[in-house]
Amino acid sequence: MGATTYRLMSRFAAEMPDDPGFAGLTAMPKVVFSRTLEAPLSWGSTELVREDAVAAVRDMKQRDAGPLRTLGSLSLSRSLLTAGLVDRFRVVVFPVITGATGKERIFDAYPDVALDLVDSRTFDGRLQLLEYVPTVLDGPPGAGD
């Protein structure tokens, strides 16, 4: 995750230490890519990496560090996707449209990407988790057809 996501999630974890979701996340090994945060980080099991995130993730994948995931971190996800380092792309669809109050269009500045659906789940009859294998395209979708 990046610094912004770290600040948000570590604050939530500190405010809700008994929440099972945050307790599990606190115990899980985490990596934060940031040049602005300073070690030591307050959230348990968190490693600070100050080097280039793309190079660091490429190295982690070459060392077979096991499954890697990002949480939030739009610019980090965009960089990793553009570099071809994303094997799966998970999107959670919430049944809400924030057209008037939404702040950030999350896929601005992303490359064109083809997504092949490999899994989907519905939670509580409302939330959808869609899992895709991404392929970064060389040009606009359909240009080579």
Foldseek 3Di string as FASTA:
>chain_A
DEPVVCVVLQVVCVVCVPPPVSVVVLPDAEEYEYCPDDPPDDRHNYHYDPDDLLVVLVVCVVVCVDDDDDDDPLVSVLVCVVVVNDQKDKDKDAPDDPPPNDDDDRCPPHADKDWDWDDWDDDPNGIIITMTGIDGDPDDPPPVD
